[in-house]
Amino acid sequence: MTTLTSLVYMSVAVDDLTDDQLVAMLREARLRNEALGVSGLLLAKGGRFMQVLEGPAWSVEDRFAAIERDPRHHDVKSLSRETIDARRFDGWSMAFGNPSDVEVRDEPGFNTFLTERSGLPTGLAGTPADWLLRWFRGRDLQDVPEERITLARHAA
């Protein structure tokens, strides 16, 4: 059995991104992450990103290093890193706001976690990634100074 790594990070977007820009990011990331054997979930909300990356340690570390250099965001902070026995995400998906274009919702990899409170994979329950994703979903982070964001004791 191959040992896998799961990493969760949060960052702040440099600019407001349109639905079209987020869809382009989704398409690009799905291709790249599939080629590198990385699965996970990216959330974009209130000018912030939170992402779970999972896969072989070298792939996850490679992706995270590239993300840290990506000029579309700053204040990249690793929040959780754990060893996992099996993937908890099937492929790679992205959730963001409430897109006005219905076609966006039909985009392969679009996830309704933020808008419909859809569930996460059952294998994620009780893990740091589960807690962090639910915390992110339950907070209004727009226009909140970075120093005021704290990870409270209970996730939404």
N, C-alpha and C. Protein backbone atom coordinates (compact mmCIF):
# COMPACT_ATOMS: atom_id res chain seq x y z
N MET A 1 0.83 -1.18 0.00
CA MET A 1 0.00 0.00 0.00
C MET A 1 0.88 1.25 0.00
N THR A 2 0.56 2.18 -0.89
CA THR A 2 1.30 3.42 -0.99
C THR A 2 0.84 4.39 0.08
N THR A 3 1.79 4.99 0.77
CA THR A 3 1.46 6.02 1.75
C THR A 3 1.24 7.33 1.02
N LEU A 4 0.19 8.01 1.40
CA LEU A 4 -0.17 9.28 0.78
C LEU A 4 -0.09 10.41 1.80
N THR A 5 0.02 11.62 1.31
CA THR A 5 0.06 12.81 2.15
C THR A 5 -1.17 13.65 1.85
N SER A 6 -1.73 14.25 2.90
CA SER A 6 -2.81 15.22 2.76
C SER A 6 -2.33 16.53 3.36
N LEU A 7 -2.48 17.62 2.61
CA LEU A 7 -2.04 18.93 3.06
C LEU A 7 -3.20 19.90 2.86
N VAL A 8 -3.46 20.74 3.87
CA VAL A 8 -4.48 21.78 3.77
C VAL A 8 -3.78 23.12 3.96
N TYR A 9 -4.08 24.07 3.07
CA TYR A 9 -3.53 25.40 3.22
C TYR A 9 -4.63 26.43 3.01
N MET A 10 -4.36 27.66 3.43
CA MET A 10 -5.24 28.80 3.19
C MET A 10 -4.39 29.95 2.67
N SER A 11 -4.98 30.78 1.79
CA SER A 11 -4.27 31.94 1.26
C SER A 11 -5.27 33.05 0.95
N VAL A 12 -4.73 34.21 0.58
CA VAL A 12 -5.54 35.39 0.27
C VAL A 12 -5.33 35.73 -1.21
N ALA A 13 -6.43 35.92 -1.94
CA ALA A 13 -6.36 36.29 -3.35
C ALA A 13 -5.83 37.71 -3.50
N VAL A 14 -5.02 37.94 -4.51
CA VAL A 14 -4.49 39.27 -4.79
C VAL A 14 -5.58 40.16 -5.38
N ASP A 15 -6.40 39.60 -6.27
CA ASP A 15 -7.48 40.34 -6.92
C ASP A 15 -8.78 39.55 -6.80
N ASP A 16 -9.89 40.26 -6.97
CA ASP A 16 -11.18 39.56 -7.07
C ASP A 16 -11.17 38.78 -8.37
N LEU A 17 -11.60 37.52 -8.30
CA LEU A 17 -11.62 36.68 -9.49
C LEU A 17 -13.06 36.52 -9.96
N THR A 18 -13.27 36.60 -11.27
CA THR A 18 -14.59 36.39 -11.84
C THR A 18 -14.88 34.90 -11.92
N ASP A 19 -16.15 34.56 -12.15
CA ASP A 19 -16.51 33.16 -12.36
C ASP A 19 -15.71 32.56 -13.51
N ASP A 20 -15.54 33.33 -14.60
CA ASP A 20 -14.79 32.83 -15.75
C ASP A 20 -13.33 32.53 -15.39
N GLN A 21 -12.73 33.39 -14.59
CA GLN A 21 -11.34 33.15 -14.17
C GLN A 21 -11.26 31.93 -13.26
N LEU A 22 -12.25 31.76 -12.39
CA LEU A 22 -12.25 30.60 -11.50
C LEU A 22 -12.47 29.31 -12.29
N VAL A 23 -13.33 29.33 -13.30
CA VAL A 23 -13.53 28.15 -14.14
C VAL A 23 -12.24 27.82 -14.90
N ALA A 24 -11.55 28.83 -15.40
CA ALA A 24 -10.28 28.60 -16.09
C ALA A 24 -9.27 27.97 -15.12
N MET A 25 -9.25 28.46 -13.88
CA MET A 25 -8.36 27.90 -12.86
C MET A 25 -8.73 26.44 -12.59
N LEU A 26 -10.02 26.14 -12.51
CA LEU A 26 -10.49 24.78 -12.28
C LEU A 26 -10.03 23.85 -13.40
N ARG A 27 -10.22 24.26 -14.64
CA ARG A 27 -9.82 23.42 -15.79
C ARG A 27 -8.32 23.17 -15.80
N GLU A 28 -7.55 24.23 -15.59
CA GLU A 28 -6.08 24.13 -15.58
C GLU A 28 -5.61 23.19 -14.46
N ALA A 29 -6.15 23.38 -13.29
CA ALA A 29 -5.71 22.59 -12.13
C ALA A 29 -6.10 21.12 -12.28
N ARG A 30 -7.27 20.84 -12.84
CA ARG A 30 -7.69 19.45 -13.02
C ARG A 30 -6.70 18.71 -13.92
N LEU A 31 -6.29 19.33 -15.01
CA LEU A 31 -5.34 18.69 -15.92
C LEU A 31 -3.98 18.47 -15.24
N ARG A 32 -3.47 19.51 -14.61
CA ARG A 32 -2.15 19.44 -13.99
C ARG A 32 -2.15 18.45 -12.83
N ASN A 33 -3.16 18.54 -11.98
CA ASN A 33 -3.18 17.67 -10.80
C ASN A 33 -3.37 16.21 -11.19
N GLU A 34 -4.19 15.95 -12.20
CA GLU A 34 -4.36 14.57 -12.66
C GLU A 34 -3.04 14.00 -13.15
N ALA A 35 -2.29 14.80 -13.90
CA ALA A 35 -0.99 14.35 -14.42
C ALA A 35 -0.01 14.04 -13.30
N LEU A 36 -0.13 14.76 -12.17
CA LEU A 36 0.78 14.57 -11.05
C LEU A 36 0.24 13.61 -9.99
N GLY A 37 -0.95 13.08 -10.20
CA GLY A 37 -1.52 12.14 -9.23
C GLY A 37 -2.02 12.82 -7.96
N VAL A 38 -2.43 14.08 -8.08
CA VAL A 38 -2.92 14.84 -6.93
C VAL A 38 -4.44 14.95 -7.02
N SER A 39 -5.11 14.67 -5.91
CA SER A 39 -6.55 14.86 -5.82
C SER A 39 -6.82 15.85 -4.70
N GLY A 40 -8.09 16.27 -4.55
CA GLY A 40 -8.40 17.19 -3.46
C GLY A 40 -9.55 18.11 -3.80
N LEU A 41 -9.61 19.21 -3.06
CA LEU A 41 -10.69 20.17 -3.18
C LEU A 41 -10.15 21.57 -2.95
N LEU A 42 -10.53 22.51 -3.81
CA LEU A 42 -10.17 23.91 -3.65
C LEU A 42 -11.44 24.70 -3.39
N LEU A 43 -11.44 25.50 -2.33
CA LEU A 43 -12.55 26.39 -2.02
C LEU A 43 -12.09 27.83 -2.23
N ALA A 44 -12.93 28.62 -2.88
CA ALA A 44 -12.64 30.04 -3.09
C ALA A 44 -13.84 30.82 -2.58
N LYS A 45 -13.59 31.70 -1.61
CA LYS A 45 -14.70 32.44 -1.00
C LYS A 45 -14.16 33.69 -0.31
N GLY A 46 -14.87 34.80 -0.50
CA GLY A 46 -14.53 36.01 0.23
C GLY A 46 -13.10 36.47 0.04
N GLY A 47 -12.54 36.26 -1.15
CA GLY A 47 -11.16 36.68 -1.40
C GLY A 47 -10.11 35.76 -0.80
N ARG A 48 -10.53 34.58 -0.39
CA ARG A 48 -9.59 33.63 0.23
C ARG A 48 -9.72 32.27 -0.45
N PHE A 49 -8.65 31.50 -0.37
CA PHE A 49 -8.64 30.12 -0.85
C PHE A 49 -8.35 29.20 0.32
N MET A 50 -8.95 28.03 0.30
CA MET A 50 -8.54 26.93 1.17
C MET A 50 -8.52 25.70 0.27
N GLN A 51 -7.46 24.93 0.37
CA GLN A 51 -7.34 23.77 -0.50
C GLN A 51 -6.81 22.58 0.27
N VAL A 52 -7.35 21.41 -0.09
CA VAL A 52 -6.82 20.12 0.36
C VAL A 52 -6.12 19.51 -0.83
N LEU A 53 -4.87 19.14 -0.67
CA LEU A 53 -4.11 18.42 -1.68
C LEU A 53 -3.81 17.04 -1.11
N GLU A 54 -3.99 15.99 -1.90
CA GLU A 54 -3.63 14.66 -1.42
C GLU A 54 -3.02 13.86 -2.56
N GLY A 55 -2.07 13.02 -2.20
CA GLY A 55 -1.39 12.19 -3.18
C GLY A 55 -0.04 11.77 -2.63
N PRO A 56 0.81 11.21 -3.48
CA PRO A 56 2.17 10.88 -3.04
C PRO A 56 2.86 12.13 -2.50
N ALA A 57 3.65 11.97 -1.47
CA ALA A 57 4.27 13.11 -0.80
C ALA A 57 5.01 14.02 -1.78
N TRP A 58 5.78 13.45 -2.71
CA TRP A 58 6.54 14.29 -3.65
C TRP A 58 5.60 15.14 -4.50
N SER A 59 4.46 14.58 -4.93
CA SER A 59 3.51 15.35 -5.75
C SER A 59 2.86 16.47 -4.96
N VAL A 60 2.45 16.16 -3.75
CA VAL A 60 1.81 17.17 -2.90
C VAL A 60 2.79 18.29 -2.59
N GLU A 61 4.01 17.95 -2.24
CA GLU A 61 5.01 18.97 -1.93
C GLU A 61 5.36 19.80 -3.16
N ASP A 62 5.42 19.17 -4.34
CA ASP A 62 5.67 19.90 -5.58
C ASP A 62 4.56 20.89 -5.86
N ARG A 63 3.31 20.45 -5.73
CA ARG A 63 2.17 21.34 -5.97
C ARG A 63 2.14 22.49 -4.96
N PHE A 64 2.40 22.18 -3.70
CA PHE A 64 2.36 23.21 -2.68
C PHE A 64 3.46 24.25 -2.92
N ALA A 65 4.64 23.81 -3.32
CA ALA A 65 5.73 24.76 -3.62
C ALA A 65 5.34 25.67 -4.78
N ALA A 66 4.69 25.12 -5.80
CA ALA A 66 4.24 25.93 -6.94
C ALA A 66 3.15 26.91 -6.49
N ILE A 67 2.26 26.47 -5.63
CA ILE A 67 1.19 27.32 -5.12
C ILE A 67 1.77 28.49 -4.33
N GLU A 68 2.79 28.22 -3.53
CA GLU A 68 3.42 29.29 -2.75
C GLU A 68 4.01 30.37 -3.64
N ARG A 69 4.43 30.00 -4.86
CA ARG A 69 5.03 30.96 -5.80
C ARG A 69 3.99 31.62 -6.70
N ASP A 70 2.76 31.14 -6.70
CA ASP A 70 1.71 31.62 -7.60
C ASP A 70 1.37 33.07 -7.26
N PRO A 71 1.50 33.99 -8.23
CA PRO A 71 1.26 35.41 -7.95
C PRO A 71 -0.21 35.79 -7.77
N ARG A 72 -1.14 34.86 -7.99
CA ARG A 72 -2.57 35.18 -7.84
C ARG A 72 -3.01 35.26 -6.38
N HIS A 73 -2.11 34.87 -5.46
CA HIS A 73 -2.46 34.95 -4.04
C HIS A 73 -1.21 35.13 -3.20
N HIS A 74 -1.42 35.46 -1.92
CA HIS A 74 -0.31 35.67 -0.99
C HIS A 74 -0.72 35.14 0.37
N ASP A 75 0.15 35.28 1.34
CA ASP A 75 -0.11 34.78 2.70
C ASP A 75 -0.51 33.32 2.70
N VAL A 76 0.22 32.51 1.94
CA VAL A 76 -0.05 31.07 1.87
C VAL A 76 0.41 30.44 3.18
N LYS A 77 -0.54 29.80 3.88
CA LYS A 77 -0.22 29.19 5.18
C LYS A 77 -0.64 27.73 5.18
N SER A 78 0.31 26.85 5.45
CA SER A 78 0.00 25.43 5.62
C SER A 78 -0.69 25.27 6.98
N LEU A 79 -1.87 24.64 6.97
CA LEU A 79 -2.64 24.49 8.21
C LEU A 79 -2.61 23.08 8.76
N SER A 80 -2.45 22.10 7.89
CA SER A 80 -2.49 20.70 8.32
C SER A 80 -1.74 19.85 7.31
N ARG A 81 -0.98 18.91 7.81
CA ARG A 81 -0.28 17.94 6.96
C ARG A 81 -0.37 16.61 7.69
N GLU A 82 -0.91 15.60 7.00
CA GLU A 82 -1.03 14.29 7.63
C GLU A 82 -0.78 13.18 6.62
N THR A 83 -0.40 12.03 7.13
CA THR A 83 -0.24 10.83 6.32
C THR A 83 -1.58 10.11 6.29
N ILE A 84 -2.00 9.70 5.10
CA ILE A 84 -3.28 8.99 4.96
C ILE A 84 -3.04 7.68 4.22
N ASP A 85 -3.90 6.70 4.47
CA ASP A 85 -3.76 5.39 3.84
C ASP A 85 -4.45 5.30 2.49
N ALA A 86 -5.49 6.11 2.30
CA ALA A 86 -6.25 6.06 1.05
C ALA A 86 -6.75 7.47 0.70
N ARG A 87 -6.94 7.70 -0.57
CA ARG A 87 -7.48 8.97 -1.03
C ARG A 87 -8.89 9.16 -0.49
N ARG A 88 -9.20 10.39 -0.16
CA ARG A 88 -10.54 10.71 0.33
C ARG A 88 -11.33 11.50 -0.71
N PHE A 89 -10.65 12.04 -1.70
CA PHE A 89 -11.30 12.76 -2.78
C PHE A 89 -11.08 11.99 -4.08
N ASP A 90 -12.14 11.86 -4.84
CA ASP A 90 -12.07 11.21 -6.14
C ASP A 90 -11.77 12.28 -7.18
N GLY A 91 -10.55 12.36 -7.60
CA GLY A 91 -10.17 13.39 -8.55
C GLY A 91 -9.95 14.72 -7.86
N TRP A 92 -10.24 15.79 -8.58
CA TRP A 92 -9.99 17.12 -8.05
C TRP A 92 -11.18 17.98 -8.37
N SER A 93 -11.64 18.75 -7.39
CA SER A 93 -12.80 19.60 -7.62
C SER A 93 -12.58 20.96 -6.97
N MET A 94 -13.52 21.86 -7.27
CA MET A 94 -13.41 23.23 -6.79
C MET A 94 -14.80 23.76 -6.48
N ALA A 95 -14.93 24.48 -5.39
CA ALA A 95 -16.19 25.12 -5.02
C ALA A 95 -15.93 26.61 -4.87
N PHE A 96 -16.85 27.41 -5.39
CA PHE A 96 -16.72 28.85 -5.21
C PHE A 96 -18.08 29.50 -5.27
N GLY A 97 -18.29 30.38 -4.34
CA GLY A 97 -19.47 31.22 -4.29
C GLY A 97 -20.75 30.62 -4.82
N ASN A 98 -21.55 31.44 -5.43
CA ASN A 98 -22.80 31.03 -6.04
C ASN A 98 -22.79 31.56 -7.47
N PRO A 99 -22.16 30.82 -8.38
CA PRO A 99 -21.99 31.35 -9.74
C PRO A 99 -23.33 31.68 -10.38
N SER A 100 -23.35 32.81 -11.09
CA SER A 100 -24.57 33.26 -11.73
C SER A 100 -24.87 32.47 -13.00
N ASP A 101 -23.86 31.90 -13.60
CA ASP A 101 -24.03 31.16 -14.84
C ASP A 101 -24.28 29.68 -14.54
N VAL A 102 -25.44 29.20 -14.95
CA VAL A 102 -25.83 27.81 -14.70
C VAL A 102 -24.82 26.85 -15.32
N GLU A 103 -24.22 27.24 -16.45
CA GLU A 103 -23.24 26.38 -17.11
C GLU A 103 -22.03 26.12 -16.22
N VAL A 104 -21.69 27.06 -15.36
CA VAL A 104 -20.56 26.86 -14.45
C VAL A 104 -20.83 25.66 -13.54
N ARG A 105 -22.05 25.54 -13.08
CA ARG A 105 -22.41 24.43 -12.19
C ARG A 105 -22.30 23.08 -12.88
N ASP A 106 -22.37 23.08 -14.21
CA ASP A 106 -22.25 21.84 -14.98
C ASP A 106 -20.80 21.53 -15.35
N GLU A 107 -19.90 22.41 -15.01
CA GLU A 107 -18.48 22.24 -15.33
C GLU A 107 -17.94 21.02 -14.57
N PRO A 108 -17.27 20.09 -15.29
CA PRO A 108 -16.68 18.94 -14.58
C PRO A 108 -15.76 19.42 -13.46
N GLY A 109 -15.97 18.88 -12.28
CA GLY A 109 -15.14 19.25 -11.13
C GLY A 109 -15.72 20.35 -10.28
N PHE A 110 -16.81 21.00 -10.73
CA PHE A 110 -17.41 22.03 -9.88
C PHE A 110 -18.09 21.34 -8.70
N ASN A 111 -17.85 21.84 -7.51
CA ASN A 111 -18.35 21.23 -6.29
C ASN A 111 -19.31 22.19 -5.59
N THR A 112 -20.40 21.68 -5.04
CA THR A 112 -21.42 22.52 -4.40
C THR A 112 -21.23 22.63 -2.89
N PHE A 113 -20.09 22.27 -2.37
CA PHE A 113 -19.85 22.26 -0.93
C PHE A 113 -20.18 23.59 -0.27
N LEU A 114 -19.86 24.71 -0.91
CA LEU A 114 -20.09 26.03 -0.30
C LEU A 114 -21.54 26.49 -0.42
N THR A 115 -22.20 26.16 -1.51
CA THR A 115 -23.52 26.71 -1.76
C THR A 115 -24.67 25.83 -1.30
N GLU A 116 -24.48 24.53 -1.34
CA GLU A 116 -25.57 23.62 -0.99
C GLU A 116 -25.28 22.82 0.28
N ARG A 117 -24.19 23.17 0.93
CA ARG A 117 -23.81 22.46 2.15
C ARG A 117 -23.73 20.95 1.92
N SER A 118 -23.30 20.58 0.70
CA SER A 118 -23.18 19.17 0.39
C SER A 118 -22.11 18.54 1.27
N GLY A 119 -22.20 17.26 1.40
CA GLY A 119 -21.29 16.54 2.28
C GLY A 119 -19.91 16.38 1.69
N LEU A 120 -19.01 15.99 2.55
CA LEU A 120 -17.65 15.66 2.15
C LEU A 120 -17.53 14.14 2.12
N PRO A 121 -16.47 13.62 1.52
CA PRO A 121 -16.29 12.17 1.50
C PRO A 121 -16.32 11.59 2.92
N THR A 122 -16.93 10.44 3.08
CA THR A 122 -17.06 9.84 4.42
C THR A 122 -15.71 9.55 5.06
N GLY A 123 -14.71 9.22 4.28
CA GLY A 123 -13.39 8.94 4.83
C GLY A 123 -12.71 10.16 5.42
N LEU A 124 -13.26 11.33 5.20
CA LEU A 124 -12.68 12.57 5.71
C LEU A 124 -13.18 12.90 7.12
N ALA A 125 -14.29 12.31 7.52
CA ALA A 125 -14.95 12.64 8.79
C ALA A 125 -13.98 12.57 9.98
N GLY A 126 -13.99 13.63 10.77
CA GLY A 126 -13.20 13.67 12.00
C GLY A 126 -11.73 14.01 11.81
N THR A 127 -11.31 14.29 10.59
CA THR A 127 -9.90 14.60 10.32
C THR A 127 -9.67 16.11 10.39
N PRO A 128 -8.41 16.51 10.50
CA PRO A 128 -8.13 17.95 10.46
C PRO A 128 -8.65 18.61 9.17
N ALA A 129 -8.54 17.93 8.04
CA ALA A 129 -9.03 18.49 6.78
C ALA A 129 -10.54 18.71 6.84
N ASP A 130 -11.28 17.76 7.38
CA ASP A 130 -12.73 17.88 7.53
C ASP A 130 -13.07 19.10 8.36
N TRP A 131 -12.43 19.25 9.49
CA TRP A 131 -12.68 20.36 10.40
C TRP A 131 -12.37 21.70 9.74
N LEU A 132 -11.23 21.78 9.06
CA LEU A 132 -10.82 23.03 8.42
C LEU A 132 -11.76 23.43 7.28
N LEU A 133 -12.17 22.47 6.46
CA LEU A 133 -13.09 22.78 5.36
C LEU A 133 -14.43 23.28 5.88
N ARG A 134 -14.95 22.64 6.92
CA ARG A 134 -16.23 23.07 7.49
C ARG A 134 -16.09 24.45 8.17
N TRP A 135 -14.96 24.69 8.80
CA TRP A 135 -14.70 26.00 9.40
C TRP A 135 -14.73 27.07 8.31
N PHE A 136 -14.04 26.84 7.20
CA PHE A 136 -13.96 27.79 6.10
C PHE A 136 -15.35 28.05 5.52
N ARG A 137 -16.11 27.00 5.31
CA ARG A 137 -17.46 27.14 4.75
C ARG A 137 -18.36 28.00 5.64
N GLY A 138 -18.21 27.88 6.94
CA GLY A 138 -19.09 28.56 7.88
C GLY A 138 -18.71 29.98 8.24
N ARG A 139 -17.65 30.52 7.65
CA ARG A 139 -17.20 31.86 8.00
C ARG A 139 -17.38 32.84 6.86
N ASP A 140 -17.72 34.08 7.20
CA ASP A 140 -17.74 35.16 6.24
C ASP A 140 -16.38 35.83 6.34
N LEU A 141 -15.53 35.58 5.37
CA LEU A 141 -14.14 36.03 5.45
C LEU A 141 -13.85 37.27 4.62
N GLN A 142 -14.82 37.76 3.87
CA GLN A 142 -14.57 38.92 3.01
C GLN A 142 -14.31 40.16 3.85
N ASP A 143 -13.28 40.87 3.49
CA ASP A 143 -12.91 42.12 4.13
C ASP A 143 -12.57 41.98 5.61
N VAL A 144 -12.20 40.79 6.03
CA VAL A 144 -11.74 40.59 7.41
C VAL A 144 -10.22 40.65 7.38
N PRO A 145 -9.62 41.53 8.16
CA PRO A 145 -8.15 41.59 8.18
C PRO A 145 -7.56 40.23 8.54
N GLU A 146 -6.48 39.89 7.87
CA GLU A 146 -5.84 38.58 8.07
C GLU A 146 -5.56 38.29 9.55
N GLU A 147 -5.13 39.30 10.29
CA GLU A 147 -4.79 39.07 11.71
C GLU A 147 -6.02 38.74 12.56
N ARG A 148 -7.23 38.99 12.05
CA ARG A 148 -8.45 38.71 12.81
C ARG A 148 -9.02 37.32 12.52
N ILE A 149 -8.44 36.61 11.54
CA ILE A 149 -8.93 35.28 11.23
C ILE A 149 -8.26 34.29 12.17
N THR A 150 -9.07 33.61 12.94
CA THR A 150 -8.55 32.58 13.84
C THR A 150 -9.35 31.31 13.64
N LEU A 151 -8.72 30.22 13.86
CA LEU A 151 -9.40 28.93 13.76
C LEU A 151 -10.02 28.63 15.11
N ALA A 152 -11.32 28.86 15.20
CA ALA A 152 -12.04 28.65 16.45
C ALA A 152 -12.12 27.16 16.78
N ARG A 153 -12.71 26.83 17.93
CA ARG A 153 -12.77 25.47 18.41
C ARG A 153 -13.79 24.59 17.67
N HIS A 154 -14.78 25.19 17.04
CA HIS A 154 -15.83 24.39 16.43
C HIS A 154 -16.03 24.78 14.98
N ALA A 155 -16.15 23.79 14.13
CA ALA A 155 -16.41 24.05 12.71
C ALA A 155 -17.90 24.19 12.49
N ALA A 156 -18.25 24.89 11.43
CA ALA A 156 -19.67 25.08 11.08
C ALA A 156 -20.24 23.83 10.48
